[in-house]
N, C-alpha and C. Protein backbone atom coordinates (compact mmCIF):
# COMPACT_ATOMS: atom_id res chain seq x y z
N MET A 1 -7.26 3.49 -14.89
CA MET A 1 -6.33 3.56 -13.78
C MET A 1 -5.85 2.15 -13.46
N THR A 2 -4.58 2.01 -13.20
CA THR A 2 -3.98 0.72 -12.89
C THR A 2 -4.47 0.20 -11.54
N ASN A 3 -4.75 -1.10 -11.47
CA ASN A 3 -5.11 -1.73 -10.21
C ASN A 3 -3.83 -1.90 -9.39
N VAL A 4 -3.78 -1.31 -8.20
CA VAL A 4 -2.57 -1.34 -7.38
C VAL A 4 -2.71 -2.23 -6.15
N LEU A 5 -3.83 -2.93 -6.00
CA LEU A 5 -4.03 -3.79 -4.82
C LEU A 5 -2.96 -4.87 -4.76
N GLY A 6 -2.38 -5.04 -3.58
CA GLY A 6 -1.37 -6.06 -3.37
C GLY A 6 0.04 -5.65 -3.73
N LEU A 7 0.19 -4.53 -4.41
CA LEU A 7 1.52 -4.08 -4.81
C LEU A 7 2.25 -3.46 -3.63
N PRO A 8 3.59 -3.52 -3.66
CA PRO A 8 4.35 -2.76 -2.67
C PRO A 8 3.96 -1.28 -2.78
N LEU A 9 3.86 -0.60 -1.66
CA LEU A 9 3.38 0.78 -1.63
C LEU A 9 4.17 1.69 -2.56
N GLU A 10 5.49 1.63 -2.50
CA GLU A 10 6.31 2.53 -3.34
C GLU A 10 6.08 2.28 -4.83
N GLU A 11 5.92 1.02 -5.20
CA GLU A 11 5.66 0.69 -6.61
C GLU A 11 4.29 1.23 -7.03
N ALA A 12 3.29 1.08 -6.17
CA ALA A 12 1.95 1.59 -6.46
C ALA A 12 1.98 3.10 -6.63
N LEU A 13 2.66 3.80 -5.73
CA LEU A 13 2.74 5.26 -5.81
C LEU A 13 3.43 5.71 -7.09
N LYS A 14 4.48 5.01 -7.49
CA LYS A 14 5.18 5.37 -8.74
C LYS A 14 4.27 5.17 -9.95
N LEU A 15 3.56 4.04 -10.01
CA LEU A 15 2.65 3.80 -11.12
C LEU A 15 1.59 4.89 -11.20
N LEU A 16 1.03 5.25 -10.06
CA LEU A 16 -0.02 6.27 -10.04
C LEU A 16 0.53 7.64 -10.42
N ARG A 17 1.72 7.98 -9.93
CA ARG A 17 2.36 9.25 -10.31
C ARG A 17 2.56 9.31 -11.82
N ASP A 18 3.05 8.19 -12.39
CA ASP A 18 3.29 8.13 -13.83
C ASP A 18 2.00 8.32 -14.64
N GLU A 19 0.86 7.94 -14.04
CA GLU A 19 -0.44 8.12 -14.68
C GLU A 19 -1.07 9.47 -14.36
N GLY A 20 -0.42 10.25 -13.49
CA GLY A 20 -0.95 11.55 -13.12
C GLY A 20 -2.07 11.49 -12.10
N VAL A 21 -2.12 10.40 -11.34
CA VAL A 21 -3.17 10.22 -10.34
C VAL A 21 -2.66 10.66 -8.98
N ALA A 22 -3.42 11.55 -8.32
CA ALA A 22 -3.06 12.00 -6.97
C ALA A 22 -3.47 10.92 -5.97
N ALA A 23 -2.60 10.66 -4.98
CA ALA A 23 -2.89 9.62 -3.99
C ALA A 23 -2.46 10.08 -2.61
N VAL A 24 -3.22 9.63 -1.61
CA VAL A 24 -2.85 9.82 -0.21
C VAL A 24 -2.81 8.44 0.43
N CYS A 25 -2.02 8.30 1.49
CA CYS A 25 -1.81 6.98 2.11
C CYS A 25 -2.16 6.99 3.58
N ALA A 26 -2.65 5.83 4.05
CA ALA A 26 -2.91 5.63 5.48
C ALA A 26 -2.53 4.19 5.81
N GLU A 27 -1.93 4.00 6.97
CA GLU A 27 -1.53 2.66 7.39
C GLU A 27 -2.61 2.02 8.24
N THR A 28 -2.75 0.71 8.11
CA THR A 28 -3.64 -0.06 8.97
C THR A 28 -2.85 -1.26 9.47
N SER A 29 -3.32 -1.84 10.57
CA SER A 29 -2.64 -3.03 11.09
C SER A 29 -3.60 -3.82 11.97
N ALA A 30 -3.26 -5.06 12.19
CA ALA A 30 -4.01 -5.91 13.11
C ALA A 30 -3.49 -5.68 14.52
N ARG A 31 -4.14 -6.30 15.50
CA ARG A 31 -3.66 -6.14 16.88
C ARG A 31 -2.23 -6.63 17.04
N GLY A 32 -1.86 -7.67 16.31
CA GLY A 32 -0.50 -8.20 16.38
C GLY A 32 0.43 -7.48 15.41
N ARG A 33 0.39 -6.19 15.44
CA ARG A 33 1.15 -5.35 14.50
C ARG A 33 2.62 -5.71 14.46
N ILE A 34 3.18 -5.70 13.25
CA ILE A 34 4.63 -5.86 13.09
C ILE A 34 5.22 -4.51 12.74
N ASP A 35 6.43 -4.27 13.19
CA ASP A 35 7.05 -2.96 12.95
C ASP A 35 8.00 -2.96 11.77
N ASP A 36 8.24 -4.14 11.22
CA ASP A 36 9.09 -4.20 10.04
C ASP A 36 8.30 -4.96 8.98
N GLY A 37 8.83 -5.06 7.82
CA GLY A 37 8.11 -5.75 6.76
C GLY A 37 7.92 -4.83 5.58
N GLU A 38 7.24 -5.35 4.60
CA GLU A 38 7.03 -4.62 3.35
C GLU A 38 5.63 -4.02 3.33
N ALA A 39 5.54 -2.74 3.03
CA ALA A 39 4.24 -2.06 2.94
C ALA A 39 3.58 -2.44 1.62
N ARG A 40 2.36 -3.01 1.72
CA ARG A 40 1.60 -3.40 0.53
C ARG A 40 0.21 -2.80 0.59
N VAL A 41 -0.30 -2.41 -0.57
CA VAL A 41 -1.62 -1.79 -0.66
C VAL A 41 -2.70 -2.85 -0.42
N VAL A 42 -3.61 -2.57 0.54
CA VAL A 42 -4.70 -3.49 0.84
C VAL A 42 -6.07 -2.91 0.49
N ARG A 43 -6.12 -1.62 0.16
CA ARG A 43 -7.39 -0.97 -0.19
C ARG A 43 -7.09 0.27 -1.02
N ALA A 44 -7.93 0.52 -2.02
CA ALA A 44 -7.80 1.72 -2.85
C ALA A 44 -9.19 2.24 -3.16
N VAL A 45 -9.48 3.47 -2.73
CA VAL A 45 -10.80 4.07 -2.93
C VAL A 45 -10.60 5.46 -3.52
N GLU A 46 -11.33 5.75 -4.60
CA GLU A 46 -11.26 7.08 -5.21
C GLU A 46 -12.31 7.99 -4.58
N ARG A 47 -11.86 9.16 -4.13
CA ARG A 47 -12.78 10.15 -3.54
C ARG A 47 -12.37 11.52 -4.02
N GLY A 48 -13.25 12.16 -4.73
CA GLY A 48 -13.00 13.52 -5.17
C GLY A 48 -11.76 13.66 -6.04
N GLY A 49 -11.49 12.69 -6.87
CA GLY A 49 -10.35 12.77 -7.76
C GLY A 49 -9.02 12.38 -7.14
N VAL A 50 -9.05 11.96 -5.87
CA VAL A 50 -7.84 11.53 -5.17
C VAL A 50 -8.01 10.06 -4.80
N LEU A 51 -6.99 9.27 -5.02
CA LEU A 51 -7.03 7.85 -4.67
C LEU A 51 -6.50 7.69 -3.25
N GLU A 52 -7.34 7.15 -2.37
CA GLU A 52 -6.93 6.91 -0.98
C GLU A 52 -6.42 5.48 -0.89
N LEU A 53 -5.13 5.33 -0.59
CA LEU A 53 -4.52 4.02 -0.46
C LEU A 53 -4.36 3.67 1.01
N THR A 54 -4.80 2.48 1.37
CA THR A 54 -4.57 1.95 2.71
C THR A 54 -3.57 0.82 2.55
N TYR A 55 -2.55 0.82 3.41
CA TYR A 55 -1.51 -0.20 3.31
C TYR A 55 -1.27 -0.85 4.66
N ALA A 56 -0.71 -2.05 4.61
CA ALA A 56 -0.34 -2.78 5.82
C ALA A 56 1.06 -3.35 5.61
N LEU A 57 1.74 -3.62 6.72
CA LEU A 57 3.08 -4.20 6.64
C LEU A 57 2.98 -5.73 6.64
N PHE A 58 3.69 -6.36 5.72
CA PHE A 58 3.69 -7.82 5.60
C PHE A 58 5.12 -8.32 5.59
N ARG A 59 5.31 -9.48 6.17
CA ARG A 59 6.60 -10.18 6.02
C ARG A 59 6.45 -11.05 4.78
N THR A 60 7.22 -10.74 3.77
CA THR A 60 7.06 -11.44 2.51
C THR A 60 8.19 -12.41 2.21
N ASN A 61 9.23 -12.41 3.01
CA ASN A 61 10.35 -13.32 2.81
C ASN A 61 10.24 -14.50 3.77
N ILE A 62 10.28 -15.71 3.22
CA ILE A 62 10.23 -16.90 4.07
C ILE A 62 11.45 -16.89 4.98
N GLY A 63 11.22 -17.16 6.25
CA GLY A 63 12.32 -17.20 7.20
C GLY A 63 12.67 -15.84 7.79
N GLN A 64 11.91 -14.79 7.43
CA GLN A 64 12.16 -13.46 7.99
C GLN A 64 11.86 -13.51 9.48
N SER A 65 12.71 -12.92 10.29
CA SER A 65 12.54 -12.98 11.76
C SER A 65 11.28 -12.27 12.20
N GLU A 66 10.80 -12.70 13.38
CA GLU A 66 9.58 -12.10 13.91
C GLU A 66 9.87 -11.01 14.86
């Protein structure tokens, strides 16, 4: 199975779909949550044949507004 940690969420989901891996997603955030940004995978755990992906939003462009 491809390592998807750090990848943008949509890219990770596409790679897993292409491999035939079932995945579910959950969002996590810090207290200083941002409402925009890029969703990136921060955790991946396999349970019962399903990959549980946890993602967080990150500002990945220098100079992106806060």
